[in-house]
Amino acid sequence: MAREVPIVMDAGSLSDAARSALDTPDPEVGRTAIPPPPPAWVHVGDTPISEAEIAREMQYHPARDPHVARHEAARALVVRELLRREIARLGLAESVCPEPGETQEDACIRVLLEREISVPVPEEAACRRYFEQNRERLHHPDRIKVRHILLAAPPADAVARATARERGEALIAELREHPERFTELAMRHSDCPSRDAGGDLGWVERGETTPEFERQLFMLRPGLAGLTVESRWGHHVVWVDAIERGAPLEWHEAAPRVAAYLETQARQNAIHQYLGALAQRYPVVGLDDFP
């Protein structure tokens, strides 16, 4: 950042007209004056993290509470600055070559963490212990057999979305009276290619559909959903034919998943400790009491 250099002038060298000009505010000057820099509550060493930087970063940390998003954005910028300083101290930038699709900054961070952090492979005893203590969480994916009628509407078109919902509610009312007509109505009204099969999507597992549709889908009970299910594609009239809960995993099926999970946890803990050490080397001020 460039330093501000004070300009010193001898008042005696100024003409009366010049003094008058200095004493009289010029309305045009106010319009072109450089605004003061944004405030900075958080610092890493002598580097400020400005409110403008935090505001730009917030888009990557969505949260219902804007204060939470703001704090997470500030934390991410602090972590980035800690890593940037350590990369500079070790002189890594000159020797690191990015991999395809990787930025220079990401490559430097990857090499830094690979160099500084050691994560042991989980022992089989630890994996078996976790398996025995968490068997109810280790199972094959749940799946649901479902039919639907998609009433398409663009996400940004509020009128079309409202119309699609109303059409869906009318179809639900009709299907309550005549459930046997689902196939017919799907073939007549659905905007999904599945209309040719009467709206039948078959068995759907978690992760196979768009997240917002899936989240609502797996909350339903068998039968006709009482309300439309909304997704980015529009509104869906949904009929659940069957739900199957995933069978528990045997040890040989769960072992790779458990080992990967424990290794990830160990890596996250190691990174957390490493960042704590960097925060001691480059003191972080203002993050804990961030307004």
Protein backbone atom coordinates (compact mmCIF):
# COMPACT_ATOMS: atom_id res chain seq x y z
CA MET A 1 0.00 0.00 0.00
CA ALA A 2 1.44 3.39 -0.96
CA ARG A 3 2.25 5.68 1.95
CA GLU A 4 0.61 9.09 2.14
CA VAL A 5 3.30 11.80 1.92
CA PRO A 6 2.31 15.09 3.58
CA ILE A 7 2.70 18.16 1.42
CA VAL A 8 4.26 21.10 3.31
CA MET A 9 3.89 24.57 1.88
CA ASP A 10 5.08 27.93 3.09
CA ALA A 11 2.01 30.06 3.70
CA GLY A 12 4.04 33.17 2.93
CA SER A 13 4.64 32.01 -0.63
CA LEU A 14 0.92 31.91 -1.39
CA SER A 15 -0.78 34.84 -3.00
CA ASP A 16 -3.86 36.36 -1.45
CA ALA A 17 -5.95 34.85 -4.23
CA ALA A 18 -4.49 31.42 -3.54
CA ARG A 19 -5.20 31.76 0.17
CA SER A 20 -8.74 32.78 -0.64
CA ALA A 21 -9.14 29.73 -2.88
CA LEU A 22 -7.89 27.47 -0.08
CA ASP A 23 -10.21 29.08 2.44
CA THR A 24 -13.29 28.81 0.17
CA PRO A 25 -14.72 25.30 -0.28
CA ASP A 26 -15.11 24.28 -3.92
CA PRO A 27 -18.30 22.26 -4.44
CA GLU A 28 -16.69 20.40 -7.36
CA VAL A 29 -13.86 19.18 -5.15
CA GLY A 30 -16.27 17.38 -2.88
CA ARG A 31 -17.58 15.41 -5.82
CA THR A 32 -14.18 14.13 -6.89
CA ALA A 33 -12.57 13.61 -3.50
CA ILE A 34 -11.16 10.13 -2.93
CA PRO A 35 -13.31 8.33 -0.33
CA PRO A 36 -11.62 7.02 2.79
CA PRO A 37 -10.61 3.33 2.73
CA PRO A 38 -13.19 0.88 4.07
CA PRO A 39 -12.83 0.08 7.78
CA ALA A 40 -10.94 -3.01 8.89
CA TRP A 41 -11.75 -4.77 12.16
CA VAL A 42 -9.66 -7.87 11.49
CA HIS A 43 -5.88 -7.97 10.95
CA VAL A 44 -3.37 -10.74 10.24
CA GLY A 45 -0.08 -9.32 11.41
CA ASP A 46 0.04 -5.89 9.81
CA THR A 47 -2.35 -6.83 6.99
CA PRO A 48 -5.93 -5.55 7.35
CA ILE A 49 -8.94 -7.58 6.20
CA SER A 50 -11.27 -4.84 4.99
CA GLU A 51 -15.05 -4.82 5.12
CA ALA A 52 -15.08 -4.60 1.31
CA GLU A 53 -13.10 -7.86 1.03
CA ILE A 54 -15.41 -9.55 3.53
CA ALA A 55 -18.50 -8.38 1.64
CA ARG A 56 -17.14 -9.84 -1.60
CA GLU A 57 -16.27 -13.13 0.12
CA MET A 58 -19.72 -13.55 1.73
CA GLN A 59 -21.24 -14.89 -1.49
CA TYR A 60 -19.19 -18.08 -0.99
CA HIS A 61 -20.53 -18.62 2.55
CA PRO A 62 -24.34 -18.55 2.31
CA ALA A 63 -26.23 -18.69 5.60
CA ARG A 64 -29.67 -17.76 6.87
CA ASP A 65 -28.11 -15.30 9.31
CA PRO A 66 -26.00 -12.67 7.50
CA HIS A 67 -23.87 -12.26 10.62
CA VAL A 68 -22.88 -15.92 10.38
CA ALA A 69 -22.03 -15.52 6.68
CA ARG A 70 -19.98 -12.42 7.46
CA HIS A 71 -18.03 -14.17 10.20
CA GLU A 72 -17.35 -17.23 8.03
CA ALA A 73 -16.19 -14.97 5.20
CA ALA A 74 -13.81 -13.15 7.55
CA ARG A 75 -12.47 -16.45 8.86
CA ALA A 76 -11.86 -17.74 5.31
CA LEU A 77 -9.93 -14.57 4.43
CA VAL A 78 -7.85 -14.89 7.59
CA VAL A 79 -6.97 -18.50 6.73
CA ARG A 80 -6.04 -17.49 3.20
CA GLU A 81 -3.78 -14.70 4.48
CA LEU A 82 -2.10 -17.02 7.01
CA LEU A 83 -1.33 -19.52 4.26
CA ARG A 84 -0.21 -16.79 1.85
CA ARG A 85 2.27 -15.46 4.39
CA GLU A 86 3.70 -18.90 5.10
CA ILE A 87 3.99 -19.67 1.38
CA ALA A 88 5.91 -16.41 0.94
CA ARG A 89 8.17 -17.17 3.93
CA LEU A 90 9.07 -20.58 2.54
CA GLY A 91 9.45 -19.30 -1.03
CA LEU A 92 7.17 -21.99 -2.46
CA ALA A 93 5.61 -19.93 -5.25
CA GLU A 94 8.79 -20.05 -7.35
CA SER A 95 8.97 -23.84 -7.47
CA VAL A 96 5.31 -24.93 -7.57
CA CYS A 97 3.69 -25.94 -10.86
CA PRO A 98 -0.14 -25.99 -10.90
CA GLU A 99 -1.93 -29.14 -11.97
CA PRO A 100 -4.54 -28.96 -14.78
CA GLY A 101 -7.46 -26.78 -13.67
CA GLU A 102 -5.59 -25.53 -10.60
CA THR A 103 -4.67 -21.91 -9.89
CA GLN A 104 -1.19 -20.96 -8.74
CA GLU A 105 -2.56 -20.06 -5.30
CA ASP A 106 -4.38 -23.40 -4.94
CA ALA A 107 -1.25 -25.26 -6.04
CA CYS A 108 0.88 -23.46 -3.46
CA ILE A 109 -1.63 -24.24 -0.70
CA ARG A 110 -1.75 -27.91 -1.73
CA VAL A 111 2.04 -28.22 -1.70
CA LEU A 112 2.29 -26.37 1.61
CA LEU A 113 -0.20 -28.67 3.34
CA GLU A 114 1.36 -31.80 1.82
CA ARG A 115 4.74 -30.64 3.10
CA GLU A 116 3.74 -29.51 6.57
CA ILE A 117 0.92 -31.89 7.56
CA SER A 118 1.28 -35.61 8.17
CA VAL A 119 -1.88 -37.68 8.48
CA PRO A 120 -1.45 -41.29 9.68
CA VAL A 121 -3.48 -44.08 8.08
CA PRO A 122 -6.18 -45.21 10.54
CA GLU A 123 -5.40 -48.52 12.22
CA GLU A 124 -7.81 -51.40 11.73
CA ALA A 125 -8.58 -51.51 15.47
CA ALA A 126 -9.75 -47.87 15.37
CA CYS A 127 -11.86 -48.57 12.28
CA ARG A 128 -13.50 -51.62 13.87
CA ARG A 129 -14.20 -49.66 17.04
CA TYR A 130 -15.92 -46.89 15.04
CA PHE A 131 -17.87 -49.52 13.07
CA GLU A 132 -19.22 -51.17 16.23
CA GLN A 133 -20.17 -47.82 17.79
CA ASN A 134 -21.93 -46.46 14.68
CA ARG A 135 -23.54 -49.45 13.00
CA GLU A 136 -26.93 -47.72 12.76
CA ARG A 137 -25.34 -44.99 10.61
CA LEU A 138 -23.61 -47.39 8.25
CA HIS A 139 -26.06 -48.78 5.74
CA HIS A 140 -26.73 -49.01 2.03
CA PRO A 141 -28.46 -45.97 0.50
CA ASP A 142 -32.19 -45.56 1.07
CA ARG A 143 -34.24 -45.62 -2.10
CA ILE A 144 -37.74 -44.61 -3.07
CA LYS A 145 -39.99 -45.73 -5.95
CA VAL A 146 -41.78 -42.70 -7.30
CA ARG A 147 -43.97 -41.34 -10.09
CA HIS A 148 -44.37 -37.65 -10.84
CA ILE A 149 -45.99 -35.04 -13.06
CA LEU A 150 -43.67 -32.11 -13.76
CA LEU A 151 -45.30 -28.74 -14.38
CA ALA A 152 -42.30 -26.82 -15.68
CA ALA A 153 -41.67 -23.14 -14.87
CA PRO A 154 -38.48 -21.04 -15.07
CA PRO A 155 -36.95 -20.28 -11.64
CA ALA A 156 -37.06 -16.50 -12.16
CA ASP A 157 -40.62 -16.34 -13.50
CA ALA A 158 -42.79 -15.82 -10.42
CA VAL A 159 -46.04 -15.79 -12.40
CA ALA A 160 -45.22 -19.06 -14.17
CA ARG A 161 -44.20 -20.67 -10.85
CA ALA A 162 -47.48 -19.65 -9.23
CA THR A 163 -49.44 -20.96 -12.21
CA ALA A 164 -47.57 -24.28 -12.08
CA ARG A 165 -48.34 -24.64 -8.38
CA GLU A 166 -52.04 -23.95 -8.96
CA ARG A 167 -52.15 -26.51 -11.79
CA GLY A 168 -50.43 -29.01 -9.52
CA GLU A 169 -52.91 -28.44 -6.71
CA ALA A 170 -55.80 -28.96 -9.14
CA LEU A 171 -54.26 -32.24 -10.31
CA ILE A 172 -53.77 -33.40 -6.71
CA ALA A 173 -57.43 -32.67 -5.98
CA GLU A 174 -58.46 -34.67 -9.05
CA LEU A 175 -56.16 -37.58 -8.13
CA ARG A 176 -57.66 -37.76 -4.63
CA GLU A 177 -60.96 -38.54 -6.31
CA HIS A 178 -59.55 -40.69 -9.13
CA PRO A 179 -56.11 -42.11 -8.16
CA GLU A 180 -56.29 -44.58 -11.03
CA ARG A 181 -55.91 -41.68 -13.51
CA PHE A 182 -52.30 -40.84 -12.55
CA THR A 183 -50.76 -42.46 -15.63
CA GLU A 184 -53.26 -40.73 -17.91
CA LEU A 185 -52.72 -37.31 -16.33
CA ALA A 186 -48.94 -37.69 -16.40
CA MET A 187 -49.02 -38.49 -20.12
CA ARG A 188 -51.25 -35.46 -20.75
CA HIS A 189 -49.69 -32.83 -18.49
CA SER A 190 -46.11 -33.70 -17.50
CA ASP A 191 -43.19 -31.77 -19.02
CA CYS A 192 -40.73 -34.53 -18.10
CA PRO A 193 -39.69 -37.22 -20.62
CA SER A 194 -40.95 -39.75 -18.05
CA ARG A 195 -44.47 -38.84 -19.19
CA ASP A 196 -44.17 -41.55 -21.85
CA ALA A 197 -43.93 -44.05 -18.97
CA GLY A 198 -46.81 -42.50 -17.07
CA GLY A 199 -44.45 -40.36 -14.98
CA ASP A 200 -42.62 -43.39 -13.57
CA LEU A 201 -39.09 -42.53 -12.35
CA GLY A 202 -38.46 -46.01 -10.96
CA TRP A 203 -36.25 -46.45 -7.93
CA VAL A 204 -34.39 -43.28 -6.90
CA GLU A 205 -31.46 -43.31 -4.48
CA ARG A 206 -30.00 -40.35 -2.62
CA GLY A 207 -27.71 -38.29 -4.79
CA GLU A 208 -29.43 -39.21 -8.06
CA THR A 209 -31.69 -36.16 -8.37
CA THR A 210 -31.39 -32.42 -7.79
CA PRO A 211 -30.80 -31.70 -4.07
CA GLU A 212 -33.92 -29.64 -3.41
CA PHE A 213 -36.16 -32.28 -5.04
CA GLU A 214 -34.43 -35.14 -3.25
CA ARG A 215 -34.58 -33.44 0.15
CA GLN A 216 -38.37 -33.21 -0.02
CA LEU A 217 -38.82 -36.55 -1.75
CA PHE A 218 -37.24 -38.57 1.07
CA MET A 219 -39.48 -36.87 3.64
CA LEU A 220 -42.65 -38.19 2.00
CA ARG A 221 -44.74 -41.19 2.97
CA PRO A 222 -46.11 -43.75 0.52
CA GLY A 223 -49.03 -42.51 -1.55
CA LEU A 224 -49.99 -39.20 -3.13
CA ALA A 225 -48.17 -36.16 -1.74
CA GLY A 226 -50.66 -33.64 -0.39
CA LEU A 227 -48.73 -30.66 -1.78
CA THR A 228 -46.63 -30.09 -4.86
CA VAL A 229 -42.88 -30.57 -4.53
CA GLU A 230 -41.02 -27.53 -5.84
CA SER A 231 -37.65 -27.75 -7.57
CA ARG A 232 -35.57 -25.63 -9.93
CA TRP A 233 -37.54 -27.23 -12.78
CA GLY A 234 -40.99 -26.24 -11.54
CA HIS A 235 -43.66 -27.97 -9.42
CA HIS A 236 -44.07 -31.74 -9.22
CA VAL A 237 -47.13 -33.80 -8.39
CA VAL A 238 -45.60 -36.82 -6.66
CA TRP A 239 -46.82 -40.32 -5.90
CA VAL A 240 -44.59 -42.55 -3.75
CA ASP A 241 -45.11 -46.22 -4.53
CA ALA A 242 -42.60 -47.70 -2.07
CA ILE A 243 -39.75 -46.80 0.28
CA GLU A 244 -36.85 -49.11 1.09
CA ARG A 245 -34.41 -48.32 3.87
CA GLY A 246 -30.87 -49.36 3.11
CA ALA A 247 -29.72 -52.61 4.70
CA PRO A 248 -26.91 -52.38 7.30
CA LEU A 249 -23.39 -52.70 5.93
CA GLU A 250 -21.26 -55.68 6.86
CA TRP A 251 -17.74 -55.01 8.15
CA HIS A 252 -16.05 -55.80 4.83
CA GLU A 253 -18.44 -53.37 3.08
CA ALA A 254 -18.05 -50.61 5.65
CA ALA A 255 -14.28 -50.84 6.24
CA PRO A 256 -13.17 -48.62 3.29
CA ARG A 257 -15.82 -46.02 4.11
CA VAL A 258 -14.87 -45.96 7.80
CA ALA A 259 -11.16 -45.67 7.04
CA ALA A 260 -11.76 -42.79 4.61
CA TYR A 261 -13.94 -41.00 7.17
CA LEU A 262 -11.43 -41.36 10.00
CA GLU A 263 -8.59 -40.24 7.74
CA THR A 264 -10.58 -37.16 6.72
CA GLN A 265 -11.29 -36.34 10.37
CA ALA A 266 -7.61 -36.73 11.25
CA ARG A 267 -6.63 -34.48 8.35
CA GLN A 268 -9.10 -31.79 9.38
CA ASN A 269 -7.78 -31.88 12.95
CA ALA A 270 -4.20 -31.63 11.71
CA ILE A 271 -5.05 -28.65 9.49
CA HIS A 272 -6.83 -26.95 12.40
CA GLN A 273 -3.75 -27.38 14.61
CA TYR A 274 -1.46 -26.16 11.84
CA LEU A 275 -3.54 -23.02 11.31
CA GLY A 276 -3.43 -22.43 15.06
CA ALA A 277 0.37 -22.54 14.90
CA LEU A 278 0.38 -20.09 11.98
CA ALA A 279 -1.89 -17.76 13.95
CA GLN A 280 0.79 -17.71 16.65
CA ARG A 281 3.46 -16.82 14.09
CA TYR A 282 1.28 -14.19 12.38
CA PRO A 283 -1.01 -12.85 15.12
CA VAL A 284 -4.69 -12.57 14.21
CA VAL A 285 -6.45 -9.61 15.78
CA GLY A 286 -10.17 -8.92 15.86
CA LEU A 287 -11.65 -12.20 14.60
CA ASP A 288 -12.86 -13.52 17.97
CA ASP A 289 -14.67 -10.26 18.80
CA PHE A 290 -15.68 -9.52 15.21
CA PRO A 291 -18.65 -7.09 15.36
